[in-house]
Amino acid sequence: MGTVYNRGTKHKPKWWVGYKEASEEWTYAPSGQPTKEQARRYVERIEANIAAGRVGIERPGKAESCDALFNDWSKSITNRNAKDDRYRLENHLRPAFGGLTPRALTMAAILAWLDAQRKGEAPRKVRPTKPTPPPSDRKRPGPRPKPREPKPVRVKPARLSDASIRHNLNLLSRFLGWCVEHGHAQHNPVRDIPQGKRPRQAAKTDTPWLDDDATVVALMRALPEPIGLMFYLANRAGLRTGEVAGLRMADLAYLAEGTIRVRYSYDGPLKEDKHSAGKTKWVPSPDDAEAILAAHVKQRAADKAKPEDFVFPCAGRDGSYYRKEFIETRWAVAAKACNVDLTWYEATRHSFVSRNLTRGATLDEVSGAVGHSSPGVTRRYYDHFIRKTFSPTLRAGLPAGPKQ
């Protein structure tokens, strides 16, 4: 017997129906009926047609292939990682599913594709090698150049990492959701895959971090200005490289209130702002931030910096922001001088989370400060700190001690 369910809201319902076809596979589709009772009669007519040997909703052979739909969907991708998504689409999704229809993308086919990726047997796009030009017989004047040694060929591993497989699965789910929205499919089977079958991203349990405040001061002195101040804010406020490079003068107006406003990553939207809607987040500012940044802010005021000018402008690029490559190059020199074997990320954002969790900060506070979508994301990476760390509230004893 078919099923009827609502995929809309209570006041604006969208009644969908599910029914079992002759092949014993369940199909889900919008009914287009205004009431639940009409949707129930609708699915009963579909089941009667199937029992009589007729097709339910979609006629076989009429659906477009995924290869053609991939082209239309690729043009509609407008997120900040659109370039990476299109690369994965061409190298992983199209070779695997280009010749199928959305109806053929069942949960069994997707699970088989996940297993093939783990074993390194999934079809992938192979880049053609450049043909070697034939040797020229033309004699050139001067000494004969020395023969160059051939560069080593970088062979990519056939087996994908769990993180890459997870990204491919999410991309396929987005494509199938687009197909459902535009009427090319009736259901997204990726949503039916149980959690135990999904690729899981490994937790970072062994990443080192910076806990010595004296080392932080030494690194600030070893870094050139204003990279040292940028490192200070990233380490004490948990800012990403792009966020600290994209700070504006108006964002520091809240230092006295104990917060810093963050609106940009470099010159674009924040990583959390997937729709470029102008999202703003607030991070905690250190108690000594005003004193440490006072000389730099005073110099920026003397330079007649406007409220929307960068706090840390790059002098060699006409007042633009510092690039990530430039910052990490200076960091490598300073870290080596201070005998610190950490990357910029490990010494800044990762150290901010690890330090505060071990010192008793709550999970909700730290998750909100770094801008994670939920405390569950923070727990996934820092559960090894959370398990053995408890806040003073949980460890509170009796006010006057136990009575004898």
Protein backbone atom coordinates (compact mmCIF):
# COMPACT_ATOMS: atom_id res chain seq x y z
CA MET A 1 0.00 0.00 0.00
CA GLY A 2 1.27 3.47 -0.87
CA THR A 3 2.15 6.18 1.59
CA VAL A 4 1.32 9.89 1.81
CA TYR A 5 3.44 12.42 3.68
CA ASN A 6 3.92 16.19 3.92
CA ARG A 7 7.19 17.85 2.85
CA GLY A 8 5.95 21.38 3.36
CA THR A 9 4.74 23.21 6.46
CA LYS A 10 1.58 22.91 8.51
CA HIS A 11 -0.03 25.91 6.85
CA LYS A 12 1.43 25.28 3.36
CA PRO A 13 1.51 21.50 2.93
CA LYS A 14 3.15 19.78 -0.02
CA TRP A 15 1.76 16.27 -0.21
CA TRP A 16 4.12 13.65 -1.57
CA VAL A 17 3.28 10.03 -2.32
CA GLY A 18 5.31 6.85 -2.23
CA TYR A 19 4.43 3.62 -3.97
CA LYS A 20 6.06 0.32 -4.86
CA GLU A 21 6.57 -0.33 -8.54
CA ALA A 22 6.46 -3.66 -10.36
CA SER A 23 10.23 -4.04 -9.78
CA GLU A 24 9.59 -3.94 -5.99
CA GLU A 25 11.39 -0.58 -5.75
CA TRP A 26 9.83 2.34 -3.93
CA THR A 27 9.27 5.58 -5.82
CA TYR A 28 8.56 8.94 -4.20
CA ALA A 29 7.08 11.92 -6.06
CA PRO A 30 5.06 15.10 -5.41
CA SER A 31 1.34 14.50 -5.87
CA GLY A 32 0.33 18.06 -6.67
CA GLN A 33 -2.87 17.55 -4.65
CA PRO A 34 -4.10 20.21 -2.19
CA THR A 35 -5.32 17.83 0.54
CA LYS A 36 -4.13 14.61 2.12
CA GLU A 37 -7.27 12.73 1.11
CA GLN A 38 -6.88 13.70 -2.54
CA ALA A 39 -3.21 12.67 -2.41
CA ARG A 40 -4.27 9.29 -0.99
CA ARG A 41 -6.74 8.76 -3.86
CA TYR A 42 -3.99 9.84 -6.25
CA VAL A 43 -1.57 7.18 -5.05
CA GLU A 44 -4.35 4.58 -5.19
CA ARG A 45 -4.85 5.35 -8.89
CA ILE A 46 -1.11 5.00 -9.47
CA GLU A 47 -1.04 1.59 -7.77
CA ALA A 48 -4.02 0.49 -9.85
CA ASN A 49 -2.16 1.49 -13.02
CA ILE A 50 0.93 -0.44 -11.95
CA ALA A 51 -1.15 -3.51 -11.10
CA ALA A 52 -2.68 -3.32 -14.58
CA GLY A 53 0.77 -3.19 -16.21
CA ARG A 54 0.84 0.55 -16.85
CA VAL A 55 3.53 3.00 -15.72
CA GLY A 56 2.95 5.07 -12.58
CA ILE A 57 4.27 8.58 -13.20
CA GLU A 58 7.45 8.57 -15.25
CA ARG A 59 7.55 6.65 -18.51
CA PRO A 60 10.74 4.65 -19.09
CA GLY A 61 13.18 6.10 -21.60
CA LYS A 62 11.74 9.60 -21.30
CA ALA A 63 14.00 10.84 -18.51
CA GLU A 64 17.13 12.81 -19.40
CA SER A 65 20.53 11.29 -18.75
CA CYS A 66 22.66 12.56 -15.90
CA ASP A 67 25.31 13.60 -18.41
CA ALA A 68 22.99 16.28 -19.82
CA LEU A 69 21.66 17.26 -16.40
CA PHE A 70 25.21 17.68 -15.06
CA ASN A 71 25.76 20.46 -17.60
CA ASP A 72 22.67 22.39 -16.48
CA TRP A 73 23.40 21.90 -12.79
CA SER A 74 27.04 22.94 -13.20
CA LYS A 75 25.92 26.31 -14.54
CA SER A 76 23.72 26.89 -11.48
CA ILE A 77 26.52 26.35 -8.92
CA THR A 78 27.32 29.75 -7.41
CA ASN A 79 28.78 28.96 -3.98
CA ARG A 80 32.27 30.04 -2.93
CA ASN A 81 33.65 26.54 -3.67
CA ALA A 82 32.06 26.36 -7.12
CA LYS A 83 35.41 25.76 -8.83
CA ASP A 84 36.21 22.79 -6.61
CA ASP A 85 32.67 21.42 -6.99
CA ARG A 86 32.89 21.54 -10.78
CA TYR A 87 36.27 19.81 -10.64
CA ARG A 88 34.82 16.97 -8.59
CA LEU A 89 31.79 16.83 -10.85
CA GLU A 90 33.93 16.30 -13.94
CA ASN A 91 36.47 13.94 -12.35
CA HIS A 92 34.27 11.77 -10.11
CA LEU A 93 30.52 12.14 -10.68
CA ARG A 94 30.33 12.31 -14.46
CA PRO A 95 32.55 9.23 -15.11
CA ALA A 96 30.48 7.21 -12.62
CA PHE A 97 26.92 8.33 -13.40
CA GLY A 98 27.02 10.23 -16.69
CA GLY A 99 25.44 7.40 -18.68
CA LEU A 100 22.60 6.77 -16.22
CA THR A 101 19.30 8.51 -15.57
CA PRO A 102 18.35 9.95 -12.17
CA ARG A 103 15.86 7.10 -11.82
CA ALA A 104 18.73 4.58 -12.04
CA LEU A 105 20.60 6.26 -9.15
CA THR A 106 19.24 3.97 -6.46
CA MET A 107 20.67 3.57 -2.98
CA ALA A 108 22.24 0.25 -4.00
CA ALA A 109 24.07 1.92 -6.91
CA ILE A 110 25.34 4.72 -4.67
CA LEU A 111 26.54 2.28 -1.98
CA ALA A 112 28.40 0.29 -4.64
CA TRP A 113 30.03 3.53 -5.80
CA LEU A 114 31.14 4.35 -2.24
CA ASP A 115 32.72 0.91 -1.87
CA ALA A 116 34.48 1.30 -5.21
CA GLN A 117 35.96 4.64 -4.11
CA ARG A 118 37.27 3.07 -0.91
CA LYS A 119 38.93 0.29 -2.92
CA GLY A 120 40.24 2.63 -5.60
CA GLU A 121 38.11 1.00 -8.30
CA ALA A 122 35.65 3.85 -9.00
CA PRO A 123 35.80 5.34 -12.51
CA ARG A 124 37.67 8.63 -12.63
CA LYS A 125 38.65 11.06 -15.34
CA VAL A 126 42.22 10.49 -16.47
CA ARG A 127 44.09 13.48 -17.77
CA PRO A 128 45.76 12.79 -21.10
CA THR A 129 49.55 13.01 -21.06
CA LYS A 130 51.21 15.55 -23.28
CA PRO A 131 52.83 13.94 -26.31
CA THR A 132 56.61 14.19 -26.46
CA PRO A 133 57.66 16.34 -29.44
CA PRO A 134 59.90 14.55 -31.95
CA PRO A 135 63.57 15.53 -31.94
CA SER A 136 64.39 18.35 -34.36
CA ASP A 137 67.06 17.88 -37.01
CA ARG A 138 67.61 21.62 -37.35
CA LYS A 139 71.13 22.64 -36.32
CA ARG A 140 71.30 25.66 -34.05
CA PRO A 141 74.40 27.78 -33.62
CA GLY A 142 76.27 27.73 -30.35
CA PRO A 143 76.95 25.00 -27.84
CA ARG A 144 74.51 22.14 -27.51
CA PRO A 145 72.36 22.57 -24.38
CA LYS A 146 72.73 20.03 -21.60
CA PRO A 147 70.00 17.38 -21.60
CA ARG A 148 67.44 17.98 -18.90
CA GLU A 149 66.50 15.25 -16.53
CA PRO A 150 62.83 14.27 -16.84
CA LYS A 151 60.66 15.50 -13.99
CA PRO A 152 59.25 12.79 -11.75
CA VAL A 153 55.65 11.98 -12.61
CA ARG A 154 53.31 12.52 -9.70
CA VAL A 155 50.99 9.54 -9.52
CA LYS A 156 47.78 10.19 -7.63
CA PRO A 157 46.69 7.43 -5.30
CA ALA A 158 43.77 5.46 -6.68
CA ARG A 159 42.06 5.15 -3.31
CA LEU A 160 40.34 8.31 -2.14
CA SER A 161 40.45 9.50 1.45
CA ASP A 162 37.32 9.32 3.59
CA ALA A 163 37.09 13.12 3.56
CA SER A 164 37.19 13.20 -0.25
CA ILE A 165 34.58 10.41 -0.52
CA ARG A 166 32.38 12.32 1.91
CA HIS A 167 32.69 15.44 -0.23
CA ASN A 168 31.75 13.48 -3.38
CA LEU A 169 28.70 12.01 -1.66
CA ASN A 170 27.53 15.45 -0.50
CA LEU A 171 27.99 16.75 -4.04
CA LEU A 172 25.89 13.90 -5.44
CA SER A 173 23.20 14.62 -2.85
CA ARG A 174 23.09 18.27 -3.91
CA PHE A 175 22.73 17.22 -7.55
CA LEU A 176 19.88 14.82 -6.80
CA GLY A 177 18.18 17.48 -4.68
CA TRP A 178 18.40 19.82 -7.67
CA CYS A 179 16.88 17.09 -9.88
CA VAL A 180 13.95 16.70 -7.47
CA GLU A 181 13.43 20.45 -7.36
CA HIS A 182 13.31 20.70 -11.18
CA GLY A 183 11.18 17.61 -11.73
CA HIS A 184 13.90 15.34 -13.16
CA ALA A 185 13.71 12.90 -10.23
CA GLN A 186 11.19 11.99 -7.58
CA HIS A 187 13.41 11.21 -4.61
CA ASN A 188 16.96 11.75 -3.33
CA PRO A 189 18.24 8.28 -2.36
CA VAL A 190 21.32 9.72 -0.63
CA ARG A 191 19.06 10.77 2.24
CA ASP A 192 18.13 7.12 2.81
CA ILE A 193 21.71 5.91 3.30
CA PRO A 194 22.16 4.92 6.96
CA GLN A 195 24.82 6.69 9.00
CA GLY A 196 26.86 3.51 9.37
CA LYS A 197 27.34 3.32 5.59
CA ARG A 198 28.35 6.94 5.14
CA PRO A 199 32.05 7.93 5.02
CA ARG A 200 33.08 9.50 8.29
CA GLN A 201 35.73 12.14 8.72
CA ALA A 202 38.38 11.15 11.22
CA ALA A 203 38.69 13.22 14.37
CA LYS A 204 41.88 15.21 14.90
CA THR A 205 43.16 13.68 18.10
CA ASP A 206 46.92 14.04 17.66
CA THR A 207 47.35 17.56 16.26
CA PRO A 208 49.85 19.53 18.38
CA TRP A 209 48.95 22.96 19.69
CA LEU A 210 50.54 25.98 21.34
CA ASP A 211 49.87 26.34 25.07
CA ASP A 212 52.87 28.35 26.28
CA ASP A 213 52.05 32.07 26.55
CA ALA A 214 55.76 32.95 26.65
CA THR A 215 56.22 31.27 23.27
CA VAL A 216 53.34 33.31 21.87
CA VAL A 217 55.10 36.51 22.95
CA ALA A 218 58.38 35.30 21.42
CA LEU A 219 56.67 34.55 18.13
CA MET A 220 55.02 37.98 18.08
CA ARG A 221 58.45 39.58 18.41
CA ALA A 222 60.01 37.32 15.78
CA LEU A 223 57.33 38.07 13.18
CA PRO A 224 57.60 41.31 11.18
CA GLU A 225 55.00 44.01 11.69
CA PRO A 226 52.09 43.83 11.30
CA ILE A 227 52.19 40.01 10.93
CA GLY A 228 53.01 39.75 14.63
CA LEU A 229 49.82 41.60 15.56
CA MET A 230 47.82 39.46 13.14
CA PHE A 231 49.21 36.33 14.78
CA TYR A 232 48.27 37.73 18.20
CA LEU A 233 44.63 38.24 17.20
CA ALA A 234 44.42 34.87 15.43
CA ASN A 235 45.90 33.05 18.43
CA ARG A 236 43.89 34.80 21.15
CA ALA A 237 40.57 35.23 19.27
CA GLY A 238 40.55 32.11 17.06
CA LEU A 239 40.38 34.01 13.77
CA ARG A 240 41.09 32.39 10.42
CA THR A 241 43.87 33.79 8.25
CA GLY A 242 41.41 35.42 5.87
CA GLU A 243 39.35 36.85 8.72
CA VAL A 244 42.25 38.58 10.45
CA ALA A 245 43.54 39.84 7.07
CA GLY A 246 40.07 41.18 6.19
CA LEU A 247 39.42 43.13 9.40
CA ARG A 248 38.29 46.72 8.90
CA MET A 249 38.94 49.68 11.18
CA ALA A 250 35.24 49.85 12.13
CA ASP A 251 35.41 46.23 13.36
CA LEU A 252 37.74 47.23 16.22
CA ALA A 253 35.26 49.73 17.66
CA TYR A 254 33.94 47.04 20.02
CA LEU A 255 37.24 46.15 21.73
CA ALA A 256 36.19 47.93 24.92
CA GLU A 257 33.09 45.70 25.05
CA GLY A 258 35.22 42.55 24.84
CA THR A 259 34.32 41.57 21.26
CA ILE A 260 35.57 41.94 17.71
CA ARG A 261 33.23 42.16 14.74
CA VAL A 262 34.16 39.92 11.80
CA ARG A 263 32.45 40.51 8.47
CA TYR A 264 34.93 39.52 5.77
CA SER A 265 37.36 36.79 4.81
CA TYR A 266 40.04 38.68 2.89
CA ASP A 267 37.80 40.77 0.61
CA GLY A 268 34.89 38.32 0.32
CA PRO A 269 32.19 36.78 2.54
CA LEU A 270 32.87 34.63 5.58
CA LYS A 271 33.22 30.89 5.22
CA GLU A 272 29.97 30.49 7.19
CA ASP A 273 28.20 32.91 4.82
CA LYS A 274 27.41 30.37 2.09
CA HIS A 275 24.84 32.60 0.39
CA SER A 276 26.89 35.83 0.54
CA ALA A 277 24.11 37.51 2.50
CA GLY A 278 26.43 39.73 4.54
CA LYS A 279 26.60 37.50 7.61
CA THR A 280 28.48 38.88 10.63
CA LYS A 281 29.95 37.01 13.56
CA TRP A 282 31.42 38.13 16.86
CA VAL A 283 34.57 36.75 18.48
CA PRO A 284 36.00 37.46 21.94
CA SER A 285 38.72 40.08 22.11
CA PRO A 286 41.59 39.59 24.62
CA ASP A 287 41.67 41.86 27.67
CA ASP A 288 44.96 43.39 26.55
CA ALA A 289 43.94 43.87 22.91
CA GLU A 290 43.46 47.64 23.23
CA ALA A 291 46.91 48.10 24.77
CA ILE A 292 48.72 45.87 22.27
CA LEU A 293 46.96 47.35 19.22
CA ALA A 294 47.07 50.95 20.46
CA ALA A 295 50.24 51.98 18.61
CA HIS A 296 49.10 50.37 15.35
CA VAL A 297 45.60 51.88 15.54
CA LYS A 298 47.12 55.30 16.27
CA GLN A 299 49.34 55.01 13.21
CA ARG A 300 46.37 54.00 11.05
CA ALA A 301 44.50 57.08 12.34
CA ALA A 302 47.48 59.24 11.40
CA ASP A 303 47.34 57.69 7.93
CA LYS A 304 43.71 58.92 7.75
CA ALA A 305 42.32 55.40 7.47
CA LYS A 306 38.59 55.30 6.85
CA PRO A 307 36.22 53.01 8.82
CA GLU A 308 36.09 50.47 5.94
CA ASP A 309 39.84 50.44 5.33
CA PHE A 310 41.88 47.40 6.30
CA VAL A 311 43.32 47.25 9.80
CA PHE A 312 46.42 45.53 8.42
CA PRO A 313 46.95 46.84 4.86
CA CYS A 314 49.73 45.44 2.73
CA ALA A 315 52.01 48.36 1.83
CA GLY A 316 53.36 46.70 -1.30
CA ARG A 317 49.91 46.11 -2.81
CA ASP A 318 48.38 49.61 -2.66
CA GLY A 319 46.68 49.12 0.70
CA SER A 320 45.17 45.72 -0.14
CA TYR A 321 45.11 42.74 2.23
CA TYR A 322 47.95 40.35 3.01
CA ARG A 323 47.76 37.09 1.13
CA LYS A 324 47.84 33.74 2.89
CA GLU A 325 51.05 32.68 1.12
CA PHE A 326 52.88 35.81 2.28
CA ILE A 327 51.78 35.33 5.89
CA GLU A 328 52.73 31.66 6.00
CA THR A 329 56.15 32.35 4.47
CA ARG A 330 56.97 34.84 7.25
CA TRP A 331 55.51 32.44 9.81
CA ALA A 332 57.83 29.61 8.71
CA VAL A 333 60.90 31.79 9.34
CA ALA A 334 59.71 32.96 12.76
CA ALA A 335 58.61 29.48 13.86
CA LYS A 336 62.00 28.04 12.95
CA ALA A 337 63.77 30.82 14.87
CA CYS A 338 61.65 30.10 17.97
CA ASN A 339 62.00 26.32 17.58
CA VAL A 340 58.24 25.86 17.09
CA ASP A 341 57.21 22.96 14.86
CA LEU A 342 53.65 24.10 14.17
CA THR A 343 51.81 25.47 11.17
CA TRP A 344 50.07 28.85 11.28
CA TYR A 345 46.66 27.17 11.68
CA GLU A 346 47.89 24.88 14.49
CA ALA A 347 49.38 27.85 16.37
CA THR A 348 46.34 30.10 15.96
CA ARG A 349 42.81 28.75 15.50
CA HIS A 350 43.53 25.17 16.59
CA SER A 351 45.47 26.37 19.64
CA PHE A 352 42.66 28.76 20.58
CA VAL A 353 40.10 25.94 20.75
CA SER A 354 42.42 23.47 22.48
CA ARG A 355 43.64 26.00 25.03
CA ASN A 356 40.18 27.17 26.06
CA LEU A 357 38.70 23.67 26.30
CA THR A 358 41.52 22.48 28.53
CA ARG A 359 41.20 25.57 30.72
CA GLY A 360 37.51 24.96 31.44
CA ALA A 361 35.61 26.93 28.80
CA THR A 362 32.24 25.45 27.85
CA LEU A 363 31.71 23.72 24.53
CA ASP A 364 28.95 26.14 23.50
CA GLU A 365 31.19 29.16 24.14
CA VAL A 366 34.12 27.83 22.12
CA SER A 367 31.89 26.62 19.29
CA GLY A 368 30.22 30.03 19.01
CA ALA A 369 33.54 31.87 19.17
CA VAL A 370 35.09 30.02 16.24
CA GLY A 371 31.86 30.08 14.21
CA HIS A 372 31.15 26.35 13.98
CA SER A 373 27.66 25.49 12.74
CA SER A 374 26.91 23.54 15.94
CA PRO A 375 28.71 22.30 19.08
CA GLY A 376 28.63 18.85 17.48
CA VAL A 377 31.16 20.02 14.90
CA THR A 378 33.51 21.18 17.66
CA ARG A 379 33.05 17.90 19.54
CA ARG A 380 33.92 15.89 16.43
CA TYR A 381 37.43 17.36 16.32
CA TYR A 382 38.13 18.10 19.99
CA ASP A 383 36.36 15.30 21.83
CA HIS A 384 39.70 14.16 23.31
CA PHE A 385 39.83 17.46 25.24
CA ILE A 386 36.16 17.53 26.21
CA ARG A 387 35.99 14.07 27.77
CA LYS A 388 38.48 14.80 30.55
CA THR A 389 37.75 18.50 31.05
CA PHE A 390 34.94 19.78 33.27
CA SER A 391 33.99 23.34 34.13
CA PRO A 392 34.13 24.65 37.73
CA THR A 393 30.32 24.63 37.81
CA LEU A 394 30.22 20.85 37.45
CA ARG A 395 32.99 20.43 40.04
CA ALA A 396 31.37 22.61 42.70
CA GLY A 397 31.23 21.08 46.19
CA LEU A 398 29.18 21.86 49.28
CA PRO A 399 29.23 25.52 50.37
CA ALA A 400 30.14 24.86 54.03
CA GLY A 401 31.66 21.42 53.64
CA PRO A 402 30.11 18.09 54.76
CA LYS A 403 28.76 17.90 58.28
CA GLN A 404 30.32 15.37 60.59
